Amino acid sequence: MTSPNPSSWCAYSRKRLALVSISAGNPYYTNPEVTHPFDIPPKGADLPAEHPLESVARMFKITREIQEAEPGLAVVGSGYSWLRQFFGHAAAANIARGAATLAGAGRLAFAYPDFARDLLINGQLDERQVCIACSRCTQIMRDGGRTGYVVRDVEIYLPIYKEISLAP
């Protein structure tokens, strides 16, 4: 896969966009690993040919290229959730080196709603609270359900996941 041409983003920033959140695709239809690296694939998907860290590195590279092309634009990096308890370290490093303005949290926020508070107060994330990259939230989204963290919010999301996973 190749990164987008950062100069194509310049036209957008000149239209006075203040913030851009980066993605490399839609994980709910094809190639979920491109934007949601995982350890366990969603139903009907195979393990990707690449290691999840390659997907993370690609997302970081795309974000960095856009941020470098448009330093005045606030660019939200993505691809951090697979890094689990190392989210804060990677986000801080990317922001410090000018590779992103902000770091977004998707699946991590489902799994660990207090992650930002814990980073601010404790300076680290609790490895027992982070997303485990099991693809259950992605599966629910792919099948049109209301999603959340199936592993810890069992009362709410496990029945939805079971209904979907038993469907043909």
Protein backbone atom coordinates (compact mmCIF):
# COMPACT_ATOMS: atom_id res chain seq x y z
CA MET A 1 0.00 0.00 0.00
CA THR A 2 1.15 3.50 -0.68
CA SER A 3 0.60 6.68 1.25
CA PRO A 4 -1.51 9.48 -0.19
CA ASN A 5 0.21 12.42 -1.79
CA PRO A 6 0.42 14.99 1.02
CA SER A 7 0.12 17.83 -1.48
CA SER A 8 -3.43 16.70 -2.20
CA TRP A 9 -4.27 17.64 1.39
CA CYS A 10 -2.90 21.15 0.92
CA ALA A 11 -5.99 22.18 -1.04
CA TYR A 12 -8.17 21.16 1.89
CA SER A 13 -6.16 23.08 4.45
CA ARG A 14 -6.24 26.21 2.30
CA LYS A 15 -10.02 26.05 2.60
CA ARG A 16 -9.53 26.87 6.27
CA LEU A 17 -10.00 23.47 7.78
CA ALA A 18 -8.81 23.57 11.35
CA LEU A 19 -8.67 19.85 12.05
CA VAL A 20 -8.27 16.67 10.00
CA SER A 21 -8.57 13.17 11.41
CA ILE A 22 -6.64 10.60 9.41
CA SER A 23 -7.91 7.24 8.26
CA ALA A 24 -6.74 4.86 5.57
CA GLY A 25 -9.99 3.10 4.81
CA ASN A 26 -13.20 1.67 6.17
CA PRO A 27 -12.62 -1.40 8.36
CA TYR A 28 -16.21 -2.50 8.23
CA TYR A 29 -16.19 -3.77 4.67
CA THR A 30 -12.78 -4.79 3.35
CA ASN A 31 -9.25 -4.99 4.69
CA PRO A 32 -10.03 -4.13 8.31
CA GLU A 33 -6.34 -4.38 9.24
CA VAL A 34 -5.57 -1.24 7.26
CA THR A 35 -7.13 1.01 9.90
CA HIS A 36 -7.80 -1.44 12.73
CA PRO A 37 -4.81 -3.74 13.24
CA PHE A 38 -5.99 -6.82 15.13
CA ASP A 39 -4.91 -10.10 16.65
CA ILE A 40 -8.15 -11.96 15.95
CA PRO A 41 -9.91 -11.27 12.63
CA PRO A 42 -13.58 -10.37 12.31
CA LYS A 43 -15.95 -13.08 11.10
CA GLY A 44 -15.25 -13.91 7.47
CA ALA A 45 -11.85 -12.23 7.40
CA ASP A 46 -8.45 -13.85 7.41
CA LEU A 47 -5.38 -12.87 9.33
CA PRO A 48 -3.61 -10.28 7.20
CA ALA A 49 -0.34 -11.04 5.47
CA GLU A 50 1.34 -8.23 7.38
CA HIS A 51 2.08 -7.92 11.09
CA PRO A 52 -0.19 -5.44 12.92
CA LEU A 53 2.81 -3.18 13.57
CA GLU A 54 3.14 -2.67 9.82
CA SER A 55 -0.42 -1.35 9.76
CA VAL A 56 0.34 0.93 12.70
CA ALA A 57 3.53 2.17 11.01
CA ARG A 58 1.61 2.92 7.80
CA MET A 59 -0.98 4.99 9.67
CA PHE A 60 1.79 6.89 11.46
CA LYS A 61 3.58 7.51 8.15
CA ILE A 62 0.44 8.83 6.43
CA THR A 63 -0.24 11.14 9.35
CA ARG A 64 3.36 12.37 9.47
CA GLU A 65 3.44 13.10 5.74
CA ILE A 66 0.25 15.13 5.94
CA GLN A 67 1.35 16.94 9.09
CA GLU A 68 4.72 17.82 7.54
CA ALA A 69 3.03 19.06 4.36
CA GLU A 70 0.64 21.22 6.39
CA PRO A 71 2.28 22.17 9.71
CA GLY A 72 -0.43 24.74 10.49
CA LEU A 73 -3.20 22.16 10.22
CA ALA A 74 -4.20 20.19 13.33
CA VAL A 75 -3.81 16.56 12.26
CA VAL A 76 -5.24 13.77 14.41
CA GLY A 77 -3.23 10.59 14.11
CA SER A 78 -4.85 7.19 14.28
CA GLY A 79 -3.82 3.56 14.47
CA TYR A 80 -2.83 3.70 18.14
CA SER A 81 -5.31 1.28 19.76
CA TRP A 82 -3.45 -1.88 18.78
CA LEU A 83 -0.48 -0.59 20.79
CA ARG A 84 -2.53 -1.12 23.94
CA GLN A 85 -0.79 0.24 27.07
CA PHE A 86 1.87 1.86 24.89
CA PHE A 87 -0.66 4.24 23.31
CA GLY A 88 0.53 7.18 25.40
CA HIS A 89 4.20 6.60 24.61
CA ALA A 90 3.63 6.40 20.86
CA ALA A 91 1.25 9.36 20.87
CA ALA A 92 3.67 11.51 22.87
CA ALA A 93 6.56 10.58 20.57
CA ASN A 94 4.61 11.38 17.41
CA ILE A 95 3.38 14.69 18.78
CA ALA A 96 6.84 15.65 20.10
CA ARG A 97 8.50 15.04 16.74
CA GLY A 98 5.81 16.96 14.85
CA ALA A 99 4.33 13.88 13.19
CA ALA A 100 0.82 14.66 14.50
CA THR A 101 -0.93 17.37 16.46
CA LEU A 102 -3.25 15.04 18.37
CA ALA A 103 -3.63 11.29 18.83
CA GLY A 104 -7.03 9.72 18.35
CA ALA A 105 -8.32 6.74 20.29
CA GLY A 106 -11.04 4.55 18.83
CA ARG A 107 -11.24 1.01 20.14
CA LEU A 108 -9.08 2.01 23.10
CA ALA A 109 -11.80 4.44 24.18
CA PHE A 110 -14.45 1.69 23.99
CA ALA A 111 -12.35 -0.60 26.13
CA TYR A 112 -10.96 1.99 28.52
CA PRO A 113 -13.16 5.09 28.82
CA ASP A 114 -10.87 6.57 31.50
CA PHE A 115 -7.68 6.17 29.47
CA ALA A 116 -7.07 9.94 29.10
CA ARG A 117 -7.57 10.56 32.81
CA ASP A 118 -5.22 7.71 33.70
CA LEU A 119 -2.57 9.03 31.33
CA LEU A 120 -2.83 12.49 32.88
CA ILE A 121 -2.93 11.34 36.49
CA ASN A 122 -0.76 8.20 36.42
CA GLY A 123 1.38 8.86 33.36
CA GLN A 124 0.55 5.42 32.00
CA LEU A 125 -2.26 3.10 31.05
CA ASP A 126 -3.32 0.02 32.97
CA GLU A 127 -2.59 -2.94 30.70
CA ARG A 128 -5.61 -4.77 32.17
CA GLN A 129 -7.96 -2.08 30.81
CA VAL A 130 -6.81 -1.64 27.21
CA CYS A 131 -8.32 -2.99 24.00
CA ILE A 132 -7.17 -6.54 23.27
CA ALA A 133 -7.69 -6.27 19.48
CA CYS A 134 -10.22 -9.11 19.41
CA SER A 135 -12.32 -7.55 16.58
CA ARG A 136 -15.63 -8.05 18.37
CA CYS A 137 -16.49 -4.33 18.24
CA THR A 138 -15.59 -4.28 14.55
CA GLN A 139 -17.79 -7.32 13.93
CA ILE A 140 -20.78 -5.64 15.57
CA MET A 141 -20.23 -2.51 13.47
CA ARG A 142 -19.83 -4.54 10.28
CA ASP A 143 -23.17 -6.16 10.98
CA GLY A 144 -24.95 -2.88 11.70
CA GLY A 145 -25.23 -3.14 15.47
CA ARG A 146 -24.56 -0.62 18.22
CA THR A 147 -21.03 -1.30 19.27
CA GLY A 148 -18.95 -1.16 22.39
CA TYR A 149 -16.43 -3.24 24.27
CA VAL A 150 -17.78 -6.78 24.36
CA VAL A 151 -15.07 -8.15 26.66
CA ARG A 152 -15.79 -5.86 29.64
CA ASP A 153 -19.29 -4.51 28.98
CA VAL A 154 -20.66 -8.03 28.84
CA GLU A 155 -24.21 -7.27 29.96
CA ILE A 156 -24.74 -4.79 27.15
CA TYR A 157 -22.65 -5.98 24.22
CA LEU A 158 -22.28 -9.75 24.56
CA PRO A 159 -25.94 -10.42 23.66
CA ILE A 160 -25.55 -8.20 20.56
CA TYR A 161 -22.33 -9.96 19.60
CA LYS A 162 -23.81 -13.43 20.14
CA GLU A 163 -26.85 -12.59 18.03
CA ILE A 164 -24.62 -11.36 15.23
CA SER A 165 -22.09 -14.18 15.47
CA LEU A 166 -24.83 -16.81 15.29
CA ALA A 167 -26.36 -15.23 12.19
CA PRO A 168 -25.58 -16.99 8.90
